[in-house]
Amino acid sequence: MKIAIISDIHDNIHKLQKCLEICKRENVEKILCLGDVANKDSLLYLANNFSNNIFLVRGNACSYSESLVKSLDNIKYFDKIGEVIIDNLKIGIVHQAYKIDMLKKAYGDNFDFIFYGHTHKPWIEKKDTSYLANPGNLTGDFYSSSFAILDTKIQKIELKIINN
């Protein structure tokens, strides 16, 4: 299964649209959103233009209401930290890397992947038994506009750069 990992949209609907077009071409079945969608219009655009499951943690720049996000059928909302099991992979999601300790205290240490955002810088490293990865940012601030796709069958992460 292919899963898109996105972060730091910051209301850039144009880049979100481009991301979702790539997701459609790549047959992405789920999205992990690591926060900073920003306002309710961006959240609704994401929910209305990707009909499958979206797993979402809140970022520090999000201004939508919790009641709105909880009313969207295809979004599973976790607030600050979340654990998702997909194809027998234990995946942790947070917005800021410093919350990884909170994630591990809540769900244990044995993650296959932990994804975080916030820094806007694409990054991947193996730490102990987990891969820690940041898909970059959709908005294109500080670094190129990017997101990642995880192929759960081969456990490979591929960075996607969005031009224009």
Protein backbone atom coordinates (compact mmCIF):
# COMPACT_ATOMS: atom_id res chain seq x y z
CA MET A 1 0.00 0.00 0.00
CA LYS A 2 1.19 3.52 -0.70
CA ILE A 3 0.79 6.19 1.94
CA ALA A 4 1.51 9.90 1.45
CA ILE A 5 3.14 11.74 4.32
CA ILE A 6 2.49 15.48 4.16
CA SER A 7 3.23 18.37 6.48
CA ASP A 8 3.25 22.14 6.75
CA ILE A 9 0.72 23.07 4.10
CA HIS A 10 0.27 26.55 5.62
CA ASP A 11 -2.81 27.25 3.49
CA ASN A 12 -1.01 26.77 0.16
CA ILE A 13 -3.96 25.23 -1.68
CA HIS A 14 -2.10 25.29 -5.01
CA LYS A 15 0.70 23.02 -3.69
CA LEU A 16 -1.84 20.84 -1.86
CA GLN A 17 -3.71 20.39 -5.13
CA LYS A 18 -0.46 19.40 -6.90
CA CYS A 19 0.32 16.95 -4.09
CA LEU A 20 -3.11 15.33 -4.34
CA GLU A 21 -2.71 15.02 -8.14
CA ILE A 22 0.56 13.12 -7.60
CA CYS A 23 -1.13 10.98 -4.95
CA LYS A 24 -3.84 10.05 -7.43
CA ARG A 25 -1.29 9.12 -10.12
CA GLU A 26 0.73 7.09 -7.61
CA ASN A 27 -2.39 5.26 -6.29
CA VAL A 28 -1.91 6.53 -2.74
CA GLU A 29 -4.50 4.95 -0.45
CA LYS A 30 -3.97 6.88 2.80
CA ILE A 31 -2.49 10.18 3.95
CA LEU A 32 -0.61 10.91 7.15
CA CYS A 33 -0.77 14.66 7.76
CA LEU A 34 1.77 15.92 10.28
CA GLY A 35 0.15 19.25 11.01
CA ASP A 36 0.18 22.90 10.06
CA VAL A 37 -2.64 22.50 7.58
CA ALA A 38 -3.53 25.97 8.99
CA ASN A 39 -7.10 27.22 8.49
CA LYS A 40 -10.46 25.53 8.00
CA ASP A 41 -10.52 26.17 4.23
CA SER A 42 -7.32 24.17 3.77
CA LEU A 43 -8.58 21.42 6.05
CA LEU A 44 -11.85 21.18 4.12
CA TYR A 45 -9.99 21.19 0.79
CA LEU A 46 -7.87 18.26 1.96
CA ALA A 47 -10.86 16.32 3.30
CA ASN A 48 -13.03 17.00 0.24
CA ASN A 49 -10.36 16.18 -2.33
CA PHE A 50 -9.01 12.95 -0.85
CA SER A 51 -11.81 10.53 -0.09
CA ASN A 52 -9.78 7.82 1.65
CA ASN A 53 -8.44 7.86 5.21
CA ILE A 54 -6.44 10.84 6.43
CA PHE A 55 -4.65 10.57 9.78
CA LEU A 56 -3.97 14.02 11.23
CA VAL A 57 -2.05 15.56 14.10
CA ARG A 58 -2.40 19.22 14.95
CA GLY A 59 0.47 21.59 14.23
CA ASN A 60 1.39 24.79 16.02
CA ALA A 61 -0.03 26.95 13.18
CA CYS A 62 -3.48 25.33 12.90
CA SER A 63 -6.50 27.56 13.45
CA TYR A 64 -9.42 25.26 12.59
CA SER A 65 -11.75 24.16 15.37
CA GLU A 66 -11.50 20.72 16.91
CA SER A 67 -15.23 20.24 16.41
CA LEU A 68 -14.83 20.82 12.66
CA VAL A 69 -12.02 18.31 12.22
CA LYS A 70 -13.86 15.71 14.31
CA SER A 71 -16.94 16.12 12.07
CA LEU A 72 -15.06 15.07 8.92
CA ASP A 73 -15.70 11.39 8.21
CA ASN A 74 -12.46 10.59 6.41
CA ILE A 75 -10.16 12.25 8.97
CA LYS A 76 -8.90 10.42 12.05
CA TYR A 77 -7.75 13.22 14.37
CA PHE A 78 -5.12 12.64 17.08
CA ASP A 79 -4.40 16.14 18.45
CA LYS A 80 -0.65 16.19 19.34
CA ILE A 81 0.52 12.58 18.86
CA GLY A 82 -0.81 9.51 17.11
CA GLU A 83 -0.17 5.85 16.45
CA VAL A 84 -1.37 4.18 13.26
CA ILE A 85 -1.04 0.50 12.34
CA ILE A 86 -1.00 -0.04 8.58
CA ASP A 87 0.03 -3.32 6.93
CA ASN A 88 1.43 -4.50 10.28
CA LEU A 89 3.70 -1.45 10.50
CA LYS A 90 3.56 0.60 13.67
CA ILE A 91 3.74 4.24 12.63
CA GLY A 92 3.98 7.24 14.94
CA ILE A 93 3.00 10.75 13.88
CA VAL A 94 3.76 14.07 15.56
CA HIS A 95 4.19 17.64 14.35
CA GLN A 96 7.31 18.61 16.30
CA ALA A 97 10.24 16.26 16.91
CA TYR A 98 10.39 17.06 20.62
CA LYS A 99 7.02 15.29 20.98
CA ILE A 100 8.55 11.96 19.96
CA ASP A 101 9.35 11.24 23.61
CA MET A 102 5.68 11.88 24.48
CA LEU A 103 4.68 9.53 21.65
CA LYS A 104 6.95 6.76 22.94
CA LYS A 105 5.71 7.17 26.51
CA ALA A 106 2.12 6.82 25.30
CA TYR A 107 2.57 3.97 22.78
CA GLY A 108 5.92 2.30 23.53
CA ASP A 109 9.25 2.33 21.72
CA ASN A 110 8.74 -0.28 19.04
CA PHE A 111 7.79 1.91 16.05
CA ASP A 112 8.75 0.96 12.52
CA PHE A 113 8.44 4.58 11.38
CA ILE A 114 8.02 7.88 13.18
CA PHE A 115 7.10 10.87 11.05
CA TYR A 116 7.34 14.50 12.13
CA GLY A 117 7.11 17.91 10.46
CA HIS A 118 7.58 21.50 11.63
CA THR A 119 11.19 22.12 10.48
CA HIS A 120 10.22 22.08 6.77
CA LYS A 121 13.46 20.17 6.07
CA PRO A 122 13.21 16.70 4.49
CA TRP A 123 15.11 14.22 6.63
CA ILE A 124 15.38 10.50 7.26
CA GLU A 125 17.52 8.56 9.68
CA LYS A 126 17.54 5.15 11.31
CA LYS A 127 17.55 5.41 15.09
CA ASP A 128 17.52 2.20 17.08
CA THR A 129 14.78 0.08 15.44
CA SER A 130 12.80 2.98 13.95
CA TYR A 131 13.11 5.18 10.91
CA LEU A 132 12.61 8.85 11.80
CA ALA A 133 11.52 10.91 8.81
CA ASN A 134 10.37 14.40 7.95
CA PRO A 135 8.71 14.75 4.52
CA GLY A 136 9.57 18.44 4.26
CA ASN A 137 6.82 20.96 3.62
CA LEU A 138 4.16 21.46 1.00
CA THR A 139 4.17 25.23 1.17
CA GLY A 140 7.77 25.56 -0.11
CA ASP A 141 9.08 27.80 2.69
CA PHE A 142 12.85 27.59 3.38
CA TYR A 143 13.16 24.39 1.30
CA SER A 144 11.58 23.05 -1.87
CA SER A 145 7.95 22.00 -1.68
CA SER A 146 7.97 18.29 -0.88
CA PHE A 147 6.20 15.33 0.65
CA ALA A 148 6.95 11.61 0.93
CA ILE A 149 5.34 8.37 -0.14
CA LEU A 150 5.83 5.22 1.92
CA ASP A 151 5.36 1.92 0.14
CA THR A 152 4.41 -0.37 3.01
CA LYS A 153 5.07 -3.59 1.08
CA ILE A 154 8.75 -2.85 0.53
CA GLN A 155 9.06 -0.38 3.45
CA LYS A 156 10.64 2.27 1.23
CA ILE A 157 10.18 6.03 1.55
CA GLU A 158 10.43 8.21 -1.55
CA LEU A 159 10.65 12.00 -1.43
CA LYS A 160 8.50 13.84 -3.96
CA ILE A 161 9.40 17.41 -4.98
CA ILE A 162 6.57 19.63 -6.22
CA ASN A 163 7.61 22.10 -8.90
CA ASN A 164 5.52 25.20 -9.68
